[in-house]
């Protein structure tokens, strides 16, 4: 395990346009040591070719220590992809990102600071735009500058603030790697997605780990871009069907839903 290195794991299932934006934002906005682990979960939209181009063009530097790319012929599911990424990671910390997010200035540096503020903190989340707020997504589609404005506003207002979280959404979930030895990895029964983050947080709490949000970090989320594809719906009917099934099957409390 490498000291003070964060392993950023991004499972990708289609949504290539948004995957590109996500990775570009990580490369631009991450200013502390990290490695990038990209997992293509059987995408059929050009993600495979894009990752091949990244393998040729991305070279380690002072901040980006290592790049690992996994090309799966089938959809492993988010949890299994994450566990595979964790098994290949070399960092002290793991950060799980959805492939339809855009990270902002100093995001990782602030998250690490929050994580190190208390030994009992097991995982850290961030501020993000609510699922219900469709207008902000429409605005960002037209002009990405609004994301930076929101991030700066939140950063200035909440500088250095950390708040208790009931759970942490997988759109950006930062985890101290050491906790996996106690609580285990992500539950692969949550196939293909949805609920693995909530269930993992419940286990963290059972082991008395704290969940917090770095209140001065804003991550923009396009929401559900990977699960609106024809390929996903052919395999799973719809994301709403998957959500309903998982929440019932795994008895996830309403209070844990975001």
C-alpha atoms as a PDB file:
ATOM      1  CA  UNK A   1       0.000   0.000   0.000  1.00  0.00           C
ATOM      2  CA  UNK A   2       1.471   3.335  -1.077  1.00  0.00           C
ATOM      3  CA  UNK A   3       1.518   6.159   1.460  1.00  0.00           C
ATOM      4  CA  UNK A   4      -0.764   9.129   0.801  1.00  0.00           C
ATOM      5  CA  UNK A   5      -2.022   7.847  -2.529  1.00  0.00           C
ATOM      6  CA  UNK A   6      -5.677   7.664  -3.526  1.00  0.00           C
ATOM      7  CA  UNK A   7      -6.846   4.986  -5.937  1.00  0.00           C
ATOM      8  CA  UNK A   8      -9.658   6.500  -8.024  1.00  0.00           C
ATOM      9  CA  UNK A   9     -11.862   3.726  -9.419  1.00  0.00           C
ATOM     10  CA  UNK A  10     -14.363   4.500 -12.184  1.00  0.00           C
ATOM     11  CA  UNK A  11     -16.579   1.646 -13.432  1.00  0.00           C
ATOM     12  CA  UNK A  12     -18.006   2.531 -16.855  1.00  0.00           C
ATOM     13  CA  UNK A  13     -21.024   1.100 -18.642  1.00  0.00           C
ATOM     14  CA  UNK A  14     -21.684   3.066 -21.834  1.00  0.00           C
ATOM     15  CA  UNK A  15     -22.388   6.843 -21.563  1.00  0.00           C
ATOM     16  CA  UNK A  16     -19.094   7.549 -23.349  1.00  0.00           C
ATOM     17  CA  UNK A  17     -19.762  11.277 -23.704  1.00  0.00           C
ATOM     18  CA  UNK A  18     -20.056  11.601 -19.926  1.00  0.00           C
ATOM     19  CA  UNK A  19     -17.192   9.209 -19.181  1.00  0.00           C
ATOM     20  CA  UNK A  20     -14.913  11.497 -21.189  1.00  0.00           C
ATOM     21  CA  UNK A  21     -16.056  14.559 -19.232  1.00  0.00           C
ATOM     22  CA  UNK A  22     -15.544  12.719 -15.947  1.00  0.00           C
ATOM     23  CA  UNK A  23     -12.021  11.543 -16.723  1.00  0.00           C
ATOM     24  CA  UNK A  24     -11.017  14.910 -18.160  1.00  0.00           C
ATOM     25  CA  UNK A  25     -12.200  16.629 -14.969  1.00  0.00           C
ATOM     26  CA  UNK A  26     -10.239  14.179 -12.802  1.00  0.00           C
ATOM     27  CA  UNK A  27      -7.066  14.782 -14.812  1.00  0.00           C
ATOM     28  CA  UNK A  28      -7.558  18.555 -14.646  1.00  0.00           C
ATOM     29  CA  UNK A  29      -8.720  19.019 -11.059  1.00  0.00           C
ATOM     30  CA  UNK A  30      -6.768  16.417  -9.060  1.00  0.00           C
ATOM     31  CA  UNK A  31      -3.694  18.040  -7.531  1.00  0.00           C
ATOM     32  CA  UNK A  32      -2.475  15.401  -5.062  1.00  0.00           C
ATOM     33  CA  UNK A  33      -1.019  11.945  -5.647  1.00  0.00           C
ATOM     34  CA  UNK A  34      -3.415   9.424  -7.153  1.00  0.00           C
ATOM     35  CA  UNK A  35      -3.761   6.460  -9.455  1.00  0.00           C
ATOM     36  CA  UNK A  36      -6.547   5.974 -11.966  1.00  0.00           C
ATOM     37  CA  UNK A  37      -8.300   2.620 -12.354  1.00  0.00           C
ATOM     38  CA  UNK A  38     -10.786   2.513 -15.233  1.00  0.00           C
ATOM     39  CA  UNK A  39     -13.077  -0.466 -15.708  1.00  0.00           C
ATOM     40  CA  UNK A  40     -15.052  -0.943 -18.902  1.00  0.00           C
ATOM     41  CA  UNK A  41     -18.081  -3.017 -17.898  1.00  0.00           C
ATOM     42  CA  UNK A  42     -18.899  -4.470 -21.302  1.00  0.00           C
ATOM     43  CA  UNK A  43     -19.837  -1.188 -22.944  1.00  0.00           C
ATOM     44  CA  UNK A  44     -21.007  -1.178 -26.564  1.00  0.00           C
ATOM     45  CA  UNK A  45     -20.646   2.511 -27.389  1.00  0.00           C
ATOM     46  CA  UNK A  46     -16.964   3.105 -28.122  1.00  0.00           C
ATOM     47  CA  UNK A  47     -15.746   3.040 -24.500  1.00  0.00           C
ATOM     48  CA  UNK A  48     -13.411   0.136 -25.315  1.00  0.00           C
ATOM     49  CA  UNK A  49     -11.700   2.114 -28.075  1.00  0.00           C
ATOM     50  CA  UNK A  50     -11.543   5.252 -25.930  1.00  0.00           C
ATOM     51  CA  UNK A  51      -9.843   3.340 -23.131  1.00  0.00           C
ATOM     52  CA  UNK A  52      -7.349   1.914 -25.604  1.00  0.00           C
ATOM     53  CA  UNK A  53      -6.485   5.465 -26.662  1.00  0.00           C
ATOM     54  CA  UNK A  54      -6.056   6.474 -23.020  1.00  0.00           C
ATOM     55  CA  UNK A  55      -3.729   3.519 -22.457  1.00  0.00           C
ATOM     56  CA  UNK A  56      -1.511   4.944 -25.195  1.00  0.00           C
ATOM     57  CA  UNK A  57      -1.735   8.609 -24.241  1.00  0.00           C
ATOM     58  CA  UNK A  58      -1.897   8.727 -20.432  1.00  0.00           C
ATOM     59  CA  UNK A  59       1.537   8.658 -18.868  1.00  0.00           C
ATOM     60  CA  UNK A  60       2.364   8.711 -15.145  1.00  0.00           C
ATOM     61  CA  UNK A  61       3.526  12.069 -13.801  1.00  0.00           C
ATOM     62  CA  UNK A  62       4.157  13.771 -10.448  1.00  0.00           C
ATOM     63  CA  UNK A  63       0.492  13.502  -9.446  1.00  0.00           C
ATOM     64  CA  UNK A  64      -0.856  10.662 -11.576  1.00  0.00           C
ATOM     65  CA  UNK A  65       1.272   7.773 -10.338  1.00  0.00           C
ATOM     66  CA  UNK A  66      -0.292   4.888 -12.240  1.00  0.00           C
ATOM     67  CA  UNK A  67      -3.010   4.099 -14.786  1.00  0.00           C
ATOM     68  CA  UNK A  68      -4.761   0.723 -14.852  1.00  0.00           C
ATOM     69  CA  UNK A  69      -7.367  -0.128 -17.476  1.00  0.00           C
ATOM     70  CA  UNK A  70      -9.579  -3.214 -17.334  1.00  0.00           C
ATOM     71  CA  UNK A  71     -11.598  -4.234 -20.384  1.00  0.00           C
ATOM     72  CA  UNK A  72     -14.404  -6.649 -19.517  1.00  0.00           C
ATOM     73  CA  UNK A  73     -16.425  -8.308 -22.276  1.00  0.00           C
ATOM     74  CA  UNK A  74     -19.490  -8.395 -20.037  1.00  0.00           C
ATOM     75  CA  UNK A  75     -21.135  -6.183 -17.440  1.00  0.00           C
ATOM     76  CA  UNK A  76     -19.614  -7.304 -14.162  1.00  0.00           C
ATOM     77  CA  UNK A  77     -21.927  -5.050 -12.208  1.00  0.00           C
ATOM     78  CA  UNK A  78     -20.785  -2.025 -10.226  1.00  0.00           C
ATOM     79  CA  UNK A  79     -19.921  -3.901  -7.017  1.00  0.00           C
ATOM     80  CA  UNK A  80     -17.812  -6.563  -8.714  1.00  0.00           C
ATOM     81  CA  UNK A  81     -16.067  -3.944 -10.837  1.00  0.00           C
ATOM     82  CA  UNK A  82     -15.261  -1.941  -7.713  1.00  0.00           C
ATOM     83  CA  UNK A  83     -13.936  -5.007  -5.902  1.00  0.00           C
ATOM     84  CA  UNK A  84     -11.775  -5.815  -8.902  1.00  0.00           C
ATOM     85  CA  UNK A  85     -10.476  -2.245  -8.867  1.00  0.00           C
ATOM     86  CA  UNK A  86      -9.760  -2.431  -5.140  1.00  0.00           C
ATOM     87  CA  UNK A  87      -7.800  -5.667  -5.648  1.00  0.00           C
ATOM     88  CA  UNK A  88      -5.601  -3.873  -8.180  1.00  0.00           C
ATOM     89  CA  UNK A  89      -5.214  -0.662  -6.170  1.00  0.00           C
ATOM     90  CA  UNK A  90      -2.006   0.458  -4.478  1.00  0.00           C
ATOM     91  CA  UNK A  91      -3.311   3.488  -2.561  1.00  0.00           C
ATOM     92  CA  UNK A  92      -3.976   4.048   1.118  1.00  0.00           C
ATOM     93  CA  UNK A  93      -7.394   5.347   0.102  1.00  0.00           C
ATOM     94  CA  UNK A  94      -9.984   4.331  -2.486  1.00  0.00           C
ATOM     95  CA  UNK A  95     -12.350   6.763  -4.190  1.00  0.00           C
ATOM     96  CA  UNK A  96     -15.295   5.335  -6.101  1.00  0.00           C
ATOM     97  CA  UNK A  97     -16.634   7.674  -8.791  1.00  0.00           C
ATOM     98  CA  UNK A  98     -19.633   7.318 -11.079  1.00  0.00           C
ATOM     99  CA  UNK A  99     -18.683   7.883 -14.709  1.00  0.00           C
ATOM    100  CA  UNK A 100     -21.261  10.663 -15.111  1.00  0.00           C
ATOM    101  CA  UNK A 101     -19.825  13.100 -12.575  1.00  0.00           C
ATOM    102  CA  UNK A 102     -17.586  16.135 -12.946  1.00  0.00           C
ATOM    103  CA  UNK A 103     -15.154  16.791 -10.121  1.00  0.00           C
ATOM    104  CA  UNK A 104     -14.144  20.335  -9.218  1.00  0.00           C
ATOM    105  CA  UNK A 105     -11.143  22.335  -8.013  1.00  0.00           C
ATOM    106  CA  UNK A 106      -9.182  20.805  -5.115  1.00  0.00           C
ATOM    107  CA  UNK A 107     -11.873  18.149  -4.632  1.00  0.00           C
ATOM    108  CA  UNK A 108      -9.618  15.277  -3.612  1.00  0.00           C
ATOM    109  CA  UNK A 109      -7.291  17.377  -1.457  1.00  0.00           C
ATOM    110  CA  UNK A 110     -10.261  18.571   0.625  1.00  0.00           C
ATOM    111  CA  UNK A 111     -11.741  15.082   0.918  1.00  0.00           C
ATOM    112  CA  UNK A 112      -8.445  13.636   2.154  1.00  0.00           C
ATOM    113  CA  UNK A 113      -8.197  16.420   4.716  1.00  0.00           C
ATOM    114  CA  UNK A 114     -11.690  15.586   5.986  1.00  0.00           C
ATOM    115  CA  UNK A 115     -10.867  11.860   6.155  1.00  0.00           C
ATOM    116  CA  UNK A 116      -7.716  12.489   8.180  1.00  0.00           C
ATOM    117  CA  UNK A 117      -9.513  14.699  10.716  1.00  0.00           C
ATOM    118  CA  UNK A 118     -10.718  11.690  12.753  1.00  0.00           C
ATOM    119  CA  UNK A 119      -9.369   8.121  12.913  1.00  0.00           C
ATOM    120  CA  UNK A 120     -12.906   6.777  13.250  1.00  0.00           C
ATOM    121  CA  UNK A 121     -13.994   8.187   9.904  1.00  0.00           C
ATOM    122  CA  UNK A 122     -14.376   5.262   7.509  1.00  0.00           C
ATOM    123  CA  UNK A 123     -15.786   7.012   4.458  1.00  0.00           C
ATOM    124  CA  UNK A 124     -16.293  10.517   3.134  1.00  0.00           C
ATOM    125  CA  UNK A 125     -18.860  11.933   0.718  1.00  0.00           C
ATOM    126  CA  UNK A 126     -19.402  15.398  -0.731  1.00  0.00           C
ATOM    127  CA  UNK A 127     -22.052  17.922  -1.626  1.00  0.00           C
ATOM    128  CA  UNK A 128     -23.790  17.296  -4.963  1.00  0.00           C
ATOM    129  CA  UNK A 129     -26.769  18.434  -6.990  1.00  0.00           C
ATOM    130  CA  UNK A 130     -30.006  16.694  -6.016  1.00  0.00           C
ATOM    131  CA  UNK A 131     -31.567  14.127  -8.328  1.00  0.00           C
ATOM    132  CA  UNK A 132     -34.784  16.130  -8.345  1.00  0.00           C
ATOM    133  CA  UNK A 133     -33.066  19.279  -9.622  1.00  0.00           C
ATOM    134  CA  UNK A 134     -33.291  18.676 -13.368  1.00  0.00           C
ATOM    135  CA  UNK A 135     -32.821  22.365 -14.186  1.00  0.00           C
ATOM    136  CA  UNK A 136     -29.206  22.461 -13.029  1.00  0.00           C
ATOM    137  CA  UNK A 137     -28.371  19.524 -15.300  1.00  0.00           C
ATOM    138  CA  UNK A 138     -29.976  21.280 -18.271  1.00  0.00           C
ATOM    139  CA  UNK A 139     -28.010  24.438 -17.516  1.00  0.00           C
ATOM    140  CA  UNK A 140     -24.742  22.538 -17.192  1.00  0.00           C
ATOM    141  CA  UNK A 141     -25.363  20.769 -20.497  1.00  0.00           C
ATOM    142  CA  UNK A 142     -25.383  24.222 -22.114  1.00  0.00           C
ATOM    143  CA  UNK A 143     -22.599  25.859 -20.101  1.00  0.00           C
ATOM    144  CA  UNK A 144     -20.137  23.953 -17.872  1.00  0.00           C
ATOM    145  CA  UNK A 145     -19.038  27.199 -16.189  1.00  0.00           C
ATOM    146  CA  UNK A 146     -22.028  26.980 -13.862  1.00  0.00           C
ATOM    147  CA  UNK A 147     -20.437  23.914 -12.252  1.00  0.00           C
ATOM    148  CA  UNK A 148     -17.322  25.883 -11.286  1.00  0.00           C
ATOM    149  CA  UNK A 149     -19.468  28.748  -9.970  1.00  0.00           C
ATOM    150  CA  UNK A 150     -21.473  26.385  -7.764  1.00  0.00           C
ATOM    151  CA  UNK A 151     -18.326  24.650  -6.536  1.00  0.00           C
ATOM    152  CA  UNK A 152     -16.630  27.930  -5.635  1.00  0.00           C
ATOM    153  CA  UNK A 153     -19.732  29.226  -3.841  1.00  0.00           C
ATOM    154  CA  UNK A 154     -20.030  26.071  -1.752  1.00  0.00           C
ATOM    155  CA  UNK A 155     -16.303  25.954  -1.052  1.00  0.00           C
ATOM    156  CA  UNK A 156     -16.202  29.531   0.252  1.00  0.00           C
ATOM    157  CA  UNK A 157     -19.359  29.108   2.314  1.00  0.00           C
ATOM    158  CA  UNK A 158     -18.301  25.814   3.915  1.00  0.00           C
ATOM    159  CA  UNK A 159     -14.511  26.041   3.954  1.00  0.00           C
ATOM    160  CA  UNK A 160     -13.096  23.267   6.136  1.00  0.00           C
ATOM    161  CA  UNK A 161     -16.527  22.127   7.318  1.00  0.00           C
ATOM    162  CA  UNK A 162     -17.306  18.459   7.855  1.00  0.00           C
ATOM    163  CA  UNK A 163     -20.783  17.178   8.590  1.00  0.00           C
ATOM    164  CA  UNK A 164     -22.181  13.848   9.721  1.00  0.00           C
ATOM    165  CA  UNK A 165     -23.733  11.776   6.930  1.00  0.00           C
ATOM    166  CA  UNK A 166     -26.514   9.186   7.170  1.00  0.00           C
ATOM    167  CA  UNK A 167     -25.048   7.400   4.143  1.00  0.00           C
ATOM    168  CA  UNK A 168     -22.706   8.208   1.275  1.00  0.00           C
ATOM    169  CA  UNK A 169     -23.751   8.066  -2.349  1.00  0.00           C
ATOM    170  CA  UNK A 170     -21.566   6.118  -4.742  1.00  0.00           C
ATOM    171  CA  UNK A 171     -21.351   9.056  -7.117  1.00  0.00           C
ATOM    172  CA  UNK A 172     -18.287   9.975  -5.034  1.00  0.00           C
ATOM    173  CA  UNK A 173     -17.409   7.692  -2.141  1.00  0.00           C
ATOM    174  CA  UNK A 174     -13.966   8.038  -0.539  1.00  0.00           C
ATOM    175  CA  UNK A 175     -12.945   5.098   1.682  1.00  0.00           C
ATOM    176  CA  UNK A 176      -9.983   4.421   3.921  1.00  0.00           C
ATOM    177  CA  UNK A 177      -8.661   1.172   2.511  1.00  0.00           C
ATOM    178  CA  UNK A 178      -7.922  -0.263   5.926  1.00  0.00           C
ATOM    179  CA  UNK A 179     -11.657  -0.593   6.687  1.00  0.00           C
ATOM    180  CA  UNK A 180     -12.112  -3.326   4.073  1.00  0.00           C
ATOM    181  CA  UNK A 181     -10.232  -5.724   6.359  1.00  0.00           C
ATOM    182  CA  UNK A 182     -12.988  -5.364   8.958  1.00  0.00           C
ATOM    183  CA  UNK A 183     -16.172  -4.790   7.013  1.00  0.00           C
ATOM    184  CA  UNK A 184     -15.407  -6.646   3.780  1.00  0.00           C
ATOM    185  CA  UNK A 185     -15.760  -5.485   0.185  1.00  0.00           C
ATOM    186  CA  UNK A 186     -18.837  -4.362  -1.748  1.00  0.00           C
ATOM    187  CA  UNK A 187     -21.754  -6.806  -1.890  1.00  0.00           C
ATOM    188  CA  UNK A 188     -21.833  -8.239  -5.411  1.00  0.00           C
ATOM    189  CA  UNK A 189     -25.436  -9.396  -4.986  1.00  0.00           C
ATOM    190  CA  UNK A 190     -26.441  -5.828  -5.860  1.00  0.00           C
ATOM    191  CA  UNK A 191     -26.281  -6.608  -9.556  1.00  0.00           C
ATOM    192  CA  UNK A 192     -25.999  -4.731 -11.834  1.00  0.00           C
ATOM    193  CA  UNK A 193     -26.076  -1.595  -9.651  1.00  0.00           C
ATOM    194  CA  UNK A 194     -27.932   0.438  -7.003  1.00  0.00           C
ATOM    195  CA  UNK A 195     -27.783  -0.161  -3.281  1.00  0.00           C
ATOM    196  CA  UNK A 196     -24.221  -1.456  -2.964  1.00  0.00           C
ATOM    197  CA  UNK A 197     -23.110   1.923  -1.607  1.00  0.00           C
ATOM    198  CA  UNK A 198     -25.906   2.139   0.984  1.00  0.00           C
ATOM    199  CA  UNK A 199     -25.378  -1.433   2.201  1.00  0.00           C
ATOM    200  CA  UNK A 200     -21.635  -0.850   2.513  1.00  0.00           C
ATOM    201  CA  UNK A 201     -22.264   2.270   4.605  1.00  0.00           C
ATOM    202  CA  UNK A 202     -24.573   0.306   6.907  1.00  0.00           C
ATOM    203  CA  UNK A 203     -21.758  -2.176   7.549  1.00  0.00           C
ATOM    204  CA  UNK A 204     -19.347   0.660   8.263  1.00  0.00           C
ATOM    205  CA  UNK A 205     -21.732   1.993  10.903  1.00  0.00           C
ATOM    206  CA  UNK A 206     -22.096  -1.451  12.481  1.00  0.00           C
ATOM    207  CA  UNK A 207     -18.332  -1.459  12.981  1.00  0.00           C
ATOM    208  CA  UNK A 208     -18.553   2.000  14.588  1.00  0.00           C
ATOM    209  CA  UNK A 209     -16.950   3.864  11.714  1.00  0.00           C
ATOM    210  CA  UNK A 210     -18.147   7.403  11.084  1.00  0.00           C
ATOM    211  CA  UNK A 211     -19.608   8.621   7.806  1.00  0.00           C
ATOM    212  CA  UNK A 212     -19.064  12.278   6.950  1.00  0.00           C
ATOM    213  CA  UNK A 213     -19.413  14.699   4.067  1.00  0.00           C
ATOM    214  CA  UNK A 214     -16.701  17.180   3.134  1.00  0.00           C
ATOM    215  CA  UNK A 215     -19.110  20.123   3.025  1.00  0.00           C
ATOM    216  CA  UNK A 216     -16.709  22.334   1.072  1.00  0.00           C
ATOM    217  CA  UNK A 217     -16.565  19.967  -1.919  1.00  0.00           C
ATOM    218  CA  UNK A 218     -19.145  20.006  -4.705  1.00  0.00           C
ATOM    219  CA  UNK A 219     -19.321  17.189  -7.241  1.00  0.00           C
ATOM    220  CA  UNK A 220     -21.626  17.657 -10.202  1.00  0.00           C
ATOM    221  CA  UNK A 221     -23.712  14.623 -11.162  1.00  0.00           C
ATOM    222  CA  UNK A 222     -25.575  14.177 -14.455  1.00  0.00           C
ATOM    223  CA  UNK A 223     -27.524  11.296 -12.863  1.00  0.00           C
ATOM    224  CA  UNK A 224     -28.231   7.867 -14.328  1.00  0.00           C
ATOM    225  CA  UNK A 225     -26.578   8.314 -17.704  1.00  0.00           C
ATOM    226  CA  UNK A 226     -25.232   4.744 -17.793  1.00  0.00           C
ATOM    227  CA  UNK A 227     -28.586   3.179 -16.972  1.00  0.00           C
ATOM    228  CA  UNK A 228     -30.675   4.895 -19.639  1.00  0.00           C
ATOM    229  CA  UNK A 229     -29.087   3.047 -22.549  1.00  0.00           C
ATOM    230  CA  UNK A 230     -30.910   0.495 -24.715  1.00  0.00           C
ATOM    231  CA  UNK A 231     -28.307  -2.069 -23.677  1.00  0.00           C
ATOM    232  CA  UNK A 232     -29.085  -1.591 -19.976  1.00  0.00           C
ATOM    233  CA  UNK A 233     -32.841  -1.671 -20.488  1.00  0.00           C
ATOM    234  CA  UNK A 234     -32.576  -4.810 -22.620  1.00  0.00           C
ATOM    235  CA  UNK A 235     -30.698  -6.551 -19.809  1.00  0.00           C
ATOM    236  CA  UNK A 236     -32.670  -5.181 -16.852  1.00  0.00           C
ATOM    237  CA  UNK A 237     -35.998  -3.798 -18.160  1.00  0.00           C
ATOM    238  CA  UNK A 238     -35.348  -0.423 -16.499  1.00  0.00           C
ATOM    239  CA  UNK A 239     -33.346   1.182 -13.705  1.00  0.00           C
ATOM    240  CA  UNK A 240     -36.567   1.769 -11.798  1.00  0.00           C
ATOM    241  CA  UNK A 241     -37.178  -1.981 -11.901  1.00  0.00           C
ATOM    242  CA  UNK A 242     -33.697  -2.660 -10.514  1.00  0.00           C
ATOM    243  CA  UNK A 243     -34.101  -0.092  -7.739  1.00  0.00           C
ATOM    244  CA  UNK A 244     -37.487  -1.412  -6.669  1.00  0.00           C
ATOM    245  CA  UNK A 245     -36.198  -4.980  -6.627  1.00  0.00           C
ATOM    246  CA  UNK A 246     -33.074  -4.181  -4.618  1.00  0.00           C
ATOM    247  CA  UNK A 247     -34.729  -1.996  -2.031  1.00  0.00           C
ATOM    248  CA  UNK A 248     -37.273  -4.746  -1.380  1.00  0.00           C
ATOM    249  CA  UNK A 249     -34.899  -7.711  -1.590  1.00  0.00           C
ATOM    250  CA  UNK A 250     -32.270  -6.216   0.710  1.00  0.00           C
ATOM    251  CA  UNK A 251     -34.711  -4.441   3.035  1.00  0.00           C
ATOM    252  CA  UNK A 252     -33.072  -1.047   2.617  1.00  0.00           C
ATOM    253  CA  UNK A 253     -34.674   1.492   4.918  1.00  0.00           C
ATOM    254  CA  UNK A 254     -36.350   4.561   3.468  1.00  0.00           C
ATOM    255  CA  UNK A 255     -34.167   6.755   5.690  1.00  0.00           C
ATOM    256  CA  UNK A 256     -31.074   5.473   3.894  1.00  0.00           C
ATOM    257  CA  UNK A 257     -32.292   6.361   0.435  1.00  0.00           C
ATOM    258  CA  UNK A 258     -30.986   9.546  -1.132  1.00  0.00           C
END
